[in-house]
N, C-alpha and C. Protein backbone atom coordinates (compact mmCIF):
# COMPACT_ATOMS: atom_id res chain seq x y z
N MET A 1 -100.69 175.69 20.22
CA MET A 1 -101.81 176.19 20.16
C MET A 1 -101.96 176.78 19.02
N SER A 2 -103.73 176.69 18.34
CA SER A 2 -103.47 177.22 17.13
C SER A 2 -103.77 178.61 17.60
N ALA A 3 -103.67 179.60 16.20
CA ALA A 3 -103.93 181.12 16.76
C ALA A 3 -105.49 181.27 16.79
N LEU A 4 -105.75 180.41 16.59
CA LEU A 4 -107.97 180.80 16.60
C LEU A 4 -107.68 180.14 18.20
N ALA A 5 -107.41 179.40 18.88
CA ALA A 5 -107.36 179.29 20.27
C ALA A 5 -106.69 179.77 20.83
N PHE A 6 -105.73 180.40 20.79
CA PHE A 6 -105.52 181.44 21.32
C PHE A 6 -105.73 182.57 21.29
N LEU A 7 -106.51 182.87 20.10
CA LEU A 7 -107.72 184.16 20.41
C LEU A 7 -108.74 184.18 21.44
N LEU A 8 -109.56 182.91 21.03
CA LEU A 8 -111.03 182.55 21.88
C LEU A 8 -110.28 182.63 23.55
N LEU A 9 -109.24 182.03 23.58
CA LEU A 9 -108.46 182.18 25.09
C LEU A 9 -108.02 183.26 25.67
N SER A 10 -107.92 184.53 24.95
CA SER A 10 -107.42 185.63 25.00
C SER A 10 -108.45 186.46 25.45
N VAL A 11 -110.00 186.38 24.02
CA VAL A 11 -111.48 187.10 24.58
C VAL A 11 -111.79 186.46 25.21
N ALA A 12 -111.93 185.04 26.05
CA ALA A 12 -112.50 184.56 27.03
C ALA A 12 -112.02 184.96 28.57
N ALA A 13 -110.74 185.01 28.35
CA ALA A 13 -110.25 185.97 29.90
C ALA A 13 -110.59 187.29 30.12
N HIS A 14 -110.28 188.05 28.63
CA HIS A 14 -110.59 189.26 28.86
C HIS A 14 -112.42 190.06 28.99
N ALA A 15 -112.91 188.91 28.61
CA ALA A 15 -114.70 189.38 28.58
C ALA A 15 -114.68 189.03 30.16
N ALA A 16 -113.69 187.71 30.91
CA ALA A 16 -114.05 187.05 32.14
C ALA A 16 -113.83 188.35 33.82
N ASP A 17 -112.67 189.97 32.93
CA ASP A 17 -112.08 190.18 33.61
C ASP A 17 -112.80 191.35 34.53
N PRO A 18 -113.35 191.22 35.82
CA PRO A 18 -114.55 192.05 36.10
C PRO A 18 -113.77 194.11 36.45
N TYR A 19 -112.42 193.50 36.83
CA TYR A 19 -112.09 195.04 36.64
C TYR A 19 -112.59 195.87 35.65
N VAL A 20 -112.93 197.07 36.12
CA VAL A 20 -113.56 197.95 35.41
C VAL A 20 -112.93 199.16 35.24
N PRO A 21 -111.27 199.63 35.11
CA PRO A 21 -111.03 201.10 35.00
C PRO A 21 -111.37 202.28 34.83
N THR A 22 -110.67 203.36 35.45
CA THR A 22 -111.78 204.85 35.33
C THR A 22 -110.33 205.20 34.23
N PRO A 23 -110.27 205.64 33.60
CA PRO A 23 -109.30 206.83 32.42
C PRO A 23 -107.98 207.25 33.62
N ALA A 24 -108.09 207.56 34.40
CA ALA A 24 -106.86 207.94 35.80
C ALA A 24 -106.65 206.87 36.66
N ALA A 25 -107.12 205.80 36.20
CA ALA A 25 -106.79 204.58 36.77
C ALA A 25 -105.24 204.23 37.54
N ILE A 26 -104.45 204.39 35.74
CA ILE A 26 -103.11 204.05 35.22
C ILE A 26 -102.10 205.41 36.36
N VAL A 27 -102.92 206.09 36.83
CA VAL A 27 -101.92 207.33 37.73
C VAL A 27 -101.37 206.59 39.00
N GLY A 28 -99.96 206.85 38.96
CA GLY A 28 -98.92 206.28 40.21
C GLY A 28 -97.78 205.56 40.14
N ASP A 29 -97.42 204.90 40.83
CA ASP A 29 -95.93 204.87 40.65
C ASP A 29 -95.92 203.34 40.49
N TRP A 30 -94.99 202.74 39.51
CA TRP A 30 -95.27 201.09 39.10
C TRP A 30 -94.02 200.58 39.45
N LEU A 31 -93.57 199.68 40.44
CA LEU A 31 -92.32 199.00 39.95
C LEU A 31 -92.36 197.66 38.61
N VAL A 32 -91.23 197.94 37.71
CA VAL A 32 -91.39 196.92 36.82
C VAL A 32 -90.98 195.71 36.79
N GLU A 33 -91.35 195.05 36.12
CA GLU A 33 -91.35 193.44 36.53
C GLU A 33 -90.33 193.01 36.61
N SER A 34 -88.93 193.76 36.19
CA SER A 34 -87.23 193.17 36.72
C SER A 34 -87.08 193.90 38.34
N ARG A 35 -87.95 194.99 38.89
CA ARG A 35 -88.25 194.93 40.10
C ARG A 35 -86.93 195.96 40.42
N ASP A 36 -85.97 196.49 39.07
CA ASP A 36 -84.62 197.17 39.26
C ASP A 36 -85.18 199.37 39.09
N ALA A 37 -86.63 199.09 39.03
CA ALA A 37 -86.88 200.37 38.32
C ALA A 37 -89.04 200.74 39.11
N VAL A 38 -88.62 202.02 38.93
CA VAL A 38 -89.82 202.72 39.41
C VAL A 38 -90.86 203.66 38.23
N ILE A 39 -91.85 203.68 37.58
CA ILE A 39 -92.06 204.47 36.70
C ILE A 39 -93.41 205.34 37.77
N ARG A 40 -93.25 206.74 37.36
CA ARG A 40 -94.49 207.54 37.36
C ARG A 40 -95.59 208.02 36.75
N ILE A 41 -96.48 207.17 36.61
CA ILE A 41 -97.36 207.64 35.06
C ILE A 41 -98.19 208.74 35.85
N GLU A 42 -98.58 209.35 35.17
CA GLU A 42 -99.18 211.07 35.47
C GLU A 42 -99.69 211.47 34.16
N GLN A 43 -101.13 212.03 34.40
CA GLN A 43 -101.71 212.80 33.75
C GLN A 43 -101.36 214.25 33.26
N VAL A 44 -100.82 213.92 31.72
CA VAL A 44 -100.12 215.62 31.36
C VAL A 44 -101.02 216.08 29.85
N GLY A 45 -101.95 217.00 30.34
CA GLY A 45 -103.22 217.43 28.83
C GLY A 45 -103.79 216.27 28.91
N ASP A 46 -104.44 215.66 27.68
CA ASP A 46 -105.05 214.49 27.22
C ASP A 46 -104.55 213.38 27.30
N GLU A 47 -103.10 213.67 27.99
CA GLU A 47 -102.28 212.03 27.76
C GLU A 47 -101.70 211.89 28.96
N TYR A 48 -101.49 210.43 28.82
CA TYR A 48 -101.23 209.91 30.27
C TYR A 48 -99.24 209.08 30.02
N GLN A 49 -98.40 210.11 30.56
CA GLN A 49 -97.23 210.11 30.52
C GLN A 49 -96.84 209.32 31.51
N GLY A 50 -95.20 208.57 31.16
CA GLY A 50 -94.30 207.69 32.72
C GLY A 50 -93.00 208.38 32.44
N THR A 51 -92.61 208.57 33.50
CA THR A 51 -91.26 208.84 33.84
C THR A 51 -89.85 207.68 34.82
N ILE A 52 -89.42 208.01 34.83
CA ILE A 52 -88.52 207.09 35.52
C ILE A 52 -88.00 207.58 36.89
N LEU A 53 -88.96 207.15 37.73
CA LEU A 53 -88.52 207.71 39.04
C LEU A 53 -87.27 207.42 40.11
N TRP A 54 -87.57 206.02 40.23
CA TRP A 54 -85.91 205.69 40.83
C TRP A 54 -85.79 204.45 40.17
N GLN A 55 -84.29 204.13 39.83
CA GLN A 55 -83.82 202.69 39.36
C GLN A 55 -82.84 202.24 40.56
N LEU A 56 -83.00 201.31 40.43
CA LEU A 56 -82.11 200.43 41.92
C LEU A 56 -80.26 200.85 41.53
N HIS A 57 -80.03 200.33 40.33
CA HIS A 57 -78.56 201.32 39.94
C HIS A 57 -78.54 202.42 39.25
N ASP A 58 -78.20 203.31 39.97
CA ASP A 58 -78.70 204.63 39.08
C ASP A 58 -77.29 205.43 38.91
N THR A 59 -76.61 204.59 39.41
CA THR A 59 -74.31 204.51 39.11
C THR A 59 -74.44 203.46 38.47
N TYR A 60 -73.36 203.36 37.28
CA TYR A 60 -72.84 202.42 36.75
C TYR A 60 -71.85 202.29 37.98
N GLY A 61 -71.08 200.44 37.96
CA GLY A 61 -70.93 199.64 38.58
C GLY A 61 -68.98 199.28 38.42
N PRO A 62 -68.42 198.85 38.69
CA PRO A 62 -66.99 198.31 38.45
C PRO A 62 -66.93 197.52 37.17
N GLU A 63 -68.39 196.77 36.82
CA GLU A 63 -68.49 195.73 35.64
C GLU A 63 -68.99 196.33 34.67
N ASP A 64 -69.27 198.13 34.43
CA ASP A 64 -69.23 198.64 33.24
C ASP A 64 -67.75 198.75 32.98
N GLY A 65 -67.04 199.07 33.70
CA GLY A 65 -65.32 199.56 32.92
C GLY A 65 -65.13 200.45 34.10
N PRO A 66 -63.85 200.90 33.90
CA PRO A 66 -63.78 201.76 35.15
C PRO A 66 -63.30 203.32 34.09
N GLU A 67 -63.95 203.50 32.78
CA GLU A 67 -64.34 204.77 32.37
C GLU A 67 -66.06 204.90 32.61
N LEU A 68 -66.51 203.93 33.25
CA LEU A 68 -67.92 204.21 33.74
C LEU A 68 -68.53 204.70 35.27
N ASN A 69 -67.60 203.47 35.62
CA ASN A 69 -67.72 203.52 37.38
C ASN A 69 -67.82 204.42 38.33
N GLY A 70 -69.01 204.40 38.88
CA GLY A 70 -69.50 205.68 39.64
C GLY A 70 -69.90 206.61 39.08
N LYS A 71 -70.19 206.71 37.67
CA LYS A 71 -71.09 207.77 37.12
C LYS A 71 -72.53 207.32 37.12
N ILE A 72 -73.28 208.69 36.97
CA ILE A 72 -74.79 208.31 36.73
C ILE A 72 -75.10 207.63 35.63
N VAL A 73 -75.80 206.69 35.56
CA VAL A 73 -76.63 205.78 34.98
C VAL A 73 -76.61 206.85 33.46
N THR A 74 -76.77 207.36 32.20
CA THR A 74 -77.48 207.64 31.64
C THR A 74 -77.90 207.09 30.44
N ASP A 75 -78.39 207.64 29.30
CA ASP A 75 -79.01 206.72 28.27
C ASP A 75 -78.26 206.80 26.97
N ARG A 76 -76.79 205.88 27.00
CA ARG A 76 -76.14 205.88 26.44
C ARG A 76 -75.99 205.38 25.24
N HIS A 77 -77.16 204.42 24.82
CA HIS A 77 -77.68 203.64 23.42
C HIS A 77 -78.60 204.56 22.95
N ASN A 78 -79.19 205.72 23.06
CA ASN A 78 -79.61 206.46 22.45
C ASN A 78 -78.84 206.69 21.13
N PRO A 79 -80.01 206.79 20.05
CA PRO A 79 -79.53 207.17 18.56
C PRO A 79 -79.05 208.64 18.26
N ASP A 80 -79.36 209.03 19.15
CA ASP A 80 -79.16 211.01 18.73
C ASP A 80 -78.01 210.90 19.74
N PRO A 81 -76.54 210.89 19.48
CA PRO A 81 -75.61 211.16 20.24
C PRO A 81 -75.70 212.57 21.23
N ALA A 82 -76.35 213.34 20.99
CA ALA A 82 -76.56 214.63 21.78
C ALA A 82 -77.05 214.33 22.94
N LEU A 83 -78.03 213.41 23.02
CA LEU A 83 -78.73 212.75 24.10
C LEU A 83 -78.47 211.91 25.01
N ARG A 84 -77.25 211.09 25.15
CA ARG A 84 -77.03 210.07 25.38
C ARG A 84 -76.13 210.15 26.91
N SER A 85 -75.84 211.68 27.09
CA SER A 85 -75.60 212.16 28.09
C SER A 85 -76.74 212.02 29.83
N ARG A 86 -77.60 212.35 29.11
CA ARG A 86 -78.70 212.46 29.57
C ARG A 86 -78.84 211.44 30.43
N PRO A 87 -78.88 211.42 32.36
CA PRO A 87 -79.67 210.45 33.21
C PRO A 87 -80.69 210.03 32.94
N LEU A 88 -80.69 208.36 32.99
CA LEU A 88 -81.95 207.98 33.31
C LEU A 88 -82.82 208.17 33.56
N THR A 89 -82.93 208.52 35.08
CA THR A 89 -83.41 208.63 36.36
C THR A 89 -83.74 210.26 36.13
N GLY A 90 -85.34 210.19 35.69
CA GLY A 90 -86.41 211.64 35.32
C GLY A 90 -86.28 211.67 34.02
N LEU A 91 -86.03 210.55 33.12
CA LEU A 91 -86.30 210.21 31.76
C LEU A 91 -87.76 210.01 31.39
N ARG A 92 -88.35 210.57 30.39
CA ARG A 92 -89.70 210.66 30.80
C ARG A 92 -89.72 209.20 28.99
N LEU A 93 -90.08 208.26 29.65
CA LEU A 93 -89.77 206.76 28.53
C LEU A 93 -91.73 206.57 27.96
N LEU A 94 -92.59 206.72 28.71
CA LEU A 94 -94.21 206.50 28.01
C LEU A 94 -94.53 208.14 27.80
N THR A 95 -95.24 208.03 26.63
CA THR A 95 -96.11 208.76 25.79
C THR A 95 -97.28 208.77 25.26
N GLY A 96 -98.38 209.46 25.32
CA GLY A 96 -99.05 209.59 24.09
C GLY A 96 -99.92 208.66 25.05
N LEU A 97 -100.40 208.25 25.86
CA LEU A 97 -101.17 206.83 26.02
C LEU A 97 -102.44 207.73 26.79
N LYS A 98 -103.97 207.22 25.79
CA LYS A 98 -105.16 207.72 25.55
C LYS A 98 -105.77 206.73 26.01
N PHE A 99 -106.70 206.84 26.51
CA PHE A 99 -107.64 205.49 27.64
C PHE A 99 -108.86 205.54 26.93
N ASP A 100 -109.55 204.51 26.09
CA ASP A 100 -110.32 203.92 25.44
C ASP A 100 -111.31 203.13 26.08
N PRO A 101 -112.06 203.62 26.38
CA PRO A 101 -113.18 203.31 27.79
C PRO A 101 -113.92 201.73 26.67
N GLY A 102 -113.87 202.02 25.39
CA GLY A 102 -114.29 200.71 24.68
C GLY A 102 -113.74 198.92 24.94
N SER A 103 -112.53 199.27 25.00
CA SER A 103 -111.46 198.31 25.19
C SER A 103 -110.73 197.86 26.76
N LYS A 104 -111.10 198.99 27.49
CA LYS A 104 -110.02 199.53 28.85
C LYS A 104 -109.22 199.49 29.11
N LYS A 105 -108.29 199.99 27.72
CA LYS A 105 -106.54 199.95 27.50
C LYS A 105 -106.55 201.67 27.27
N TRP A 106 -105.30 201.86 27.33
CA TRP A 106 -104.66 203.11 26.96
C TRP A 106 -104.11 202.85 25.69
N LYS A 107 -104.23 203.48 25.12
CA LYS A 107 -103.93 203.49 23.40
C LYS A 107 -103.05 204.51 22.68
N GLY A 108 -102.63 203.52 21.91
CA GLY A 108 -101.95 205.24 21.07
C GLY A 108 -100.46 205.43 21.86
N GLY A 109 -99.67 204.58 22.51
CA GLY A 109 -98.88 205.41 23.08
C GLY A 109 -97.30 204.65 22.60
N HIS A 110 -96.24 205.36 23.36
CA HIS A 110 -94.77 205.25 22.64
C HIS A 110 -94.09 204.67 23.96
N VAL A 111 -93.79 203.72 23.78
CA VAL A 111 -92.67 203.21 25.09
C VAL A 111 -90.95 203.18 24.80
N TYR A 112 -90.52 204.46 25.04
CA TYR A 112 -88.61 204.04 24.76
C TYR A 112 -88.30 203.21 25.80
N ASN A 113 -87.19 202.25 25.08
CA ASN A 113 -86.51 201.24 25.87
C ASN A 113 -85.13 201.71 25.89
N SER A 114 -84.82 201.91 26.62
CA SER A 114 -83.66 202.83 27.20
C SER A 114 -81.97 201.56 26.63
N ASP A 115 -82.51 200.37 27.23
CA ASP A 115 -81.16 199.15 26.72
C ASP A 115 -81.03 198.97 25.49
N ASP A 116 -82.10 199.48 24.23
CA ASP A 116 -81.55 199.43 22.99
C ASP A 116 -81.52 201.27 22.17
N GLY A 117 -81.91 201.54 22.92
CA GLY A 117 -82.22 202.74 22.45
C GLY A 117 -83.47 203.19 20.90
N ARG A 118 -84.80 202.24 21.03
CA ARG A 118 -85.30 202.21 20.56
C ARG A 118 -87.10 202.52 20.96
N THR A 119 -87.77 203.18 20.22
CA THR A 119 -89.04 203.92 20.76
C THR A 119 -90.08 202.91 19.89
N TYR A 120 -90.96 202.36 20.87
CA TYR A 120 -92.12 200.98 20.29
C TYR A 120 -93.45 201.68 20.41
N ASN A 121 -94.29 201.05 19.65
CA ASN A 121 -95.47 201.79 19.77
C ASN A 121 -96.29 200.94 21.55
N CYS A 122 -97.40 201.08 22.08
CA CYS A 122 -97.58 200.40 23.05
C CYS A 122 -99.26 200.64 23.66
N TRP A 123 -99.73 199.81 23.97
CA TRP A 123 -100.71 200.06 24.94
C TRP A 123 -100.04 199.35 26.41
N VAL A 124 -101.58 200.18 27.21
CA VAL A 124 -101.49 199.42 28.39
C VAL A 124 -103.27 199.03 28.74
N ARG A 125 -102.79 198.37 29.81
CA ARG A 125 -103.66 197.18 30.23
C ARG A 125 -104.54 197.11 31.91
N LEU A 126 -104.96 197.50 32.64
CA LEU A 126 -104.96 197.50 34.24
C LEU A 126 -105.53 195.88 33.96
N ARG A 127 -104.52 194.79 34.67
CA ARG A 127 -105.20 193.64 35.15
C ARG A 127 -105.61 193.39 36.63
N GLY A 128 -106.41 194.67 37.17
CA GLY A 128 -106.62 195.04 38.24
C GLY A 128 -105.91 196.14 38.97
N PRO A 129 -106.38 196.75 40.23
CA PRO A 129 -106.11 198.30 40.40
C PRO A 129 -104.57 197.81 40.63
N ASP A 130 -103.89 197.03 41.24
CA ASP A 130 -102.36 197.26 41.22
C ASP A 130 -101.25 196.33 40.56
N ARG A 131 -102.33 195.74 38.94
CA ARG A 131 -101.35 195.19 38.14
C ARG A 131 -101.59 195.48 36.61
N LEU A 132 -100.71 196.54 36.34
CA LEU A 132 -100.31 197.08 34.94
C LEU A 132 -99.44 195.93 33.71
N GLN A 133 -100.45 195.94 33.04
CA GLN A 133 -99.94 195.09 31.53
C GLN A 133 -99.32 196.20 30.73
N LEU A 134 -98.35 195.97 30.17
CA LEU A 134 -97.73 196.93 29.23
C LEU A 134 -97.30 196.51 28.01
N HIS A 135 -97.49 196.85 26.82
CA HIS A 135 -97.63 196.15 25.56
C HIS A 135 -96.97 196.82 24.68
N GLY A 136 -95.29 196.38 24.11
CA GLY A 136 -94.68 197.40 23.41
C GLY A 136 -94.40 196.42 21.90
N TYR A 137 -94.80 197.10 20.89
CA TYR A 137 -94.60 196.10 19.57
C TYR A 137 -94.09 197.46 18.47
N ILE A 138 -93.68 197.04 17.19
CA ILE A 138 -93.64 197.23 15.74
C ILE A 138 -94.65 196.94 15.14
N GLY A 139 -95.35 197.73 14.04
CA GLY A 139 -95.98 197.46 13.37
C GLY A 139 -97.78 197.22 14.13
N ILE A 140 -97.90 196.07 14.32
CA ILE A 140 -99.17 195.82 14.45
C ILE A 140 -98.61 194.88 15.82
N SER A 141 -99.85 195.01 17.21
CA SER A 141 -99.69 194.72 18.53
C SER A 141 -99.36 193.07 18.42
N LEU A 142 -99.56 192.66 17.48
CA LEU A 142 -99.75 191.26 17.77
C LEU A 142 -98.20 190.73 17.95
N PHE A 143 -97.65 191.12 16.84
CA PHE A 143 -96.00 191.11 16.89
C PHE A 143 -95.24 191.89 17.99
N GLY A 144 -95.30 191.58 19.44
CA GLY A 144 -94.52 192.70 20.39
C GLY A 144 -94.45 191.52 21.63
N GLY A 145 -93.94 192.28 22.79
CA GLY A 145 -94.48 191.57 23.70
C GLY A 145 -94.59 192.69 24.90
N SER A 146 -95.46 191.85 26.05
CA SER A 146 -95.52 192.50 27.38
C SER A 146 -94.93 192.32 28.99
N THR A 147 -95.41 192.98 29.54
CA THR A 147 -94.61 192.56 31.12
C THR A 147 -95.73 193.63 31.89
N VAL A 148 -95.49 192.77 32.94
CA VAL A 148 -96.38 193.80 34.44
C VAL A 148 -95.80 193.92 35.00
N TRP A 149 -96.36 195.37 35.81
CA TRP A 149 -95.94 195.92 36.37
C TRP A 149 -96.86 195.97 37.81
N THR A 150 -96.18 196.37 38.84
CA THR A 150 -97.06 196.27 40.43
C THR A 150 -96.92 197.85 40.93
N ARG A 151 -98.11 198.40 41.42
CA ARG A 151 -98.31 199.72 42.45
C ARG A 151 -97.53 199.26 42.90
N VAL A 152 -96.61 200.73 43.56
CA VAL A 152 -96.15 200.61 44.87
C VAL A 152 -96.59 202.01 45.36
N THR A 153 -95.75 202.22 46.28
CA THR A 153 -95.73 203.98 47.04
C THR A 153 -94.55 203.71 47.09
N MET A 154 -94.12 204.93 47.30
CA MET A 154 -92.86 205.37 47.45
C MET A 154 -93.07 206.12 49.03
N ARG A 155 -91.38 205.82 49.49
CA ARG A 155 -91.19 206.19 50.88
C ARG A 155 -89.72 206.80 51.28
N PRO A 156 -89.80 207.69 52.21
CA PRO A 156 -88.25 207.91 52.31
C PRO A 156 -87.80 206.42 52.57
N PRO A 157 -86.13 205.81 52.20
CA PRO A 157 -86.26 204.40 52.31
C PRO A 157 -85.49 204.65 53.85
N ALA A 158 -85.80 203.83 54.81
CA ALA A 158 -84.93 203.12 55.50
C ALA A 158 -83.59 202.83 55.73
N PRO A 159 -82.63 202.68 56.33
CA PRO A 159 -80.98 202.31 56.09
C PRO A 159 -81.39 200.30 55.70
N GLY A 160 -80.86 200.46 54.34
CA GLY A 160 -81.10 198.39 53.65
C GLY A 160 -82.14 198.43 53.51
N GLN A 161 -82.85 199.18 53.45
CA GLN A 161 -84.46 199.01 52.62
C GLN A 161 -84.86 199.58 51.03
N LEU A 162 -86.07 199.46 50.25
CA LEU A 162 -85.89 199.98 48.98
C LEU A 162 -86.87 201.27 49.39
N PRO A 163 -86.93 202.15 48.54
CA PRO A 163 -87.77 203.43 48.58
C PRO A 163 -89.41 203.03 48.40
N PHE A 164 -89.45 202.00 48.49
CA PHE A 164 -90.93 201.86 48.04
C PHE A 164 -91.59 200.59 48.78
N VAL A 165 -92.75 200.30 48.99
CA VAL A 165 -93.95 199.46 49.41
C VAL A 165 -94.97 198.87 48.39
N PRO A 166 -94.93 197.88 48.15
CA PRO A 166 -95.90 197.34 46.69
C PRO A 166 -97.60 197.48 47.59
N ASP A 167 -98.28 198.03 47.10
CA ASP A 167 -99.79 198.43 47.31
C ASP A 167 -100.77 197.30 47.56
N ALA A 168 -99.87 195.83 47.18
CA ALA A 168 -101.13 194.98 47.81
C ALA A 168 -99.81 193.36 47.81
N PRO A 169 -100.03 193.68 49.34
CA PRO A 169 -98.44 192.38 49.55
C PRO A 169 -98.55 191.39 49.02
N GLY A 170 -97.28 191.03 48.52
CA GLY A 170 -97.18 189.42 47.98
C GLY A 170 -97.97 189.55 46.65
N LYS A 171 -97.77 190.60 45.86
CA LYS A 171 -97.63 190.41 44.15
C LYS A 171 -96.34 190.96 44.27
């Protein structure tokens, strides 16, 4: 597909999107696409920020080696050695997002990837009230990747159950 055709399809898809978000519409708890973490997005001052609220694996397992087995998962790939021992649960990984009503996106943000210790530029768009698209990139937005998160409601977990339920069942 040519770049022009892709651009036209993207514009058409965006124009056909009937959902019009409010600035605070991203506030809430979001299950990441890999389903192994929940990120809580909150308004802090004039921006929106996200923190790791829950992880499926909050301690290292035997596959991580005997020196880590059973220990709390930390930010071990951080480029700053002084930050490598901080736990991932509770870590702020989204910062600087501000709503742009013209594009219906939250722009100007940064997302920290604890898997590689790098921080990327990002924007967020809602694909409906319960689906969020996060796009991270370096340089220009065209050269990046997106992930889709699903809104959830946190709850006290029952034995053998996860601590959340999807807000839109079946998605």
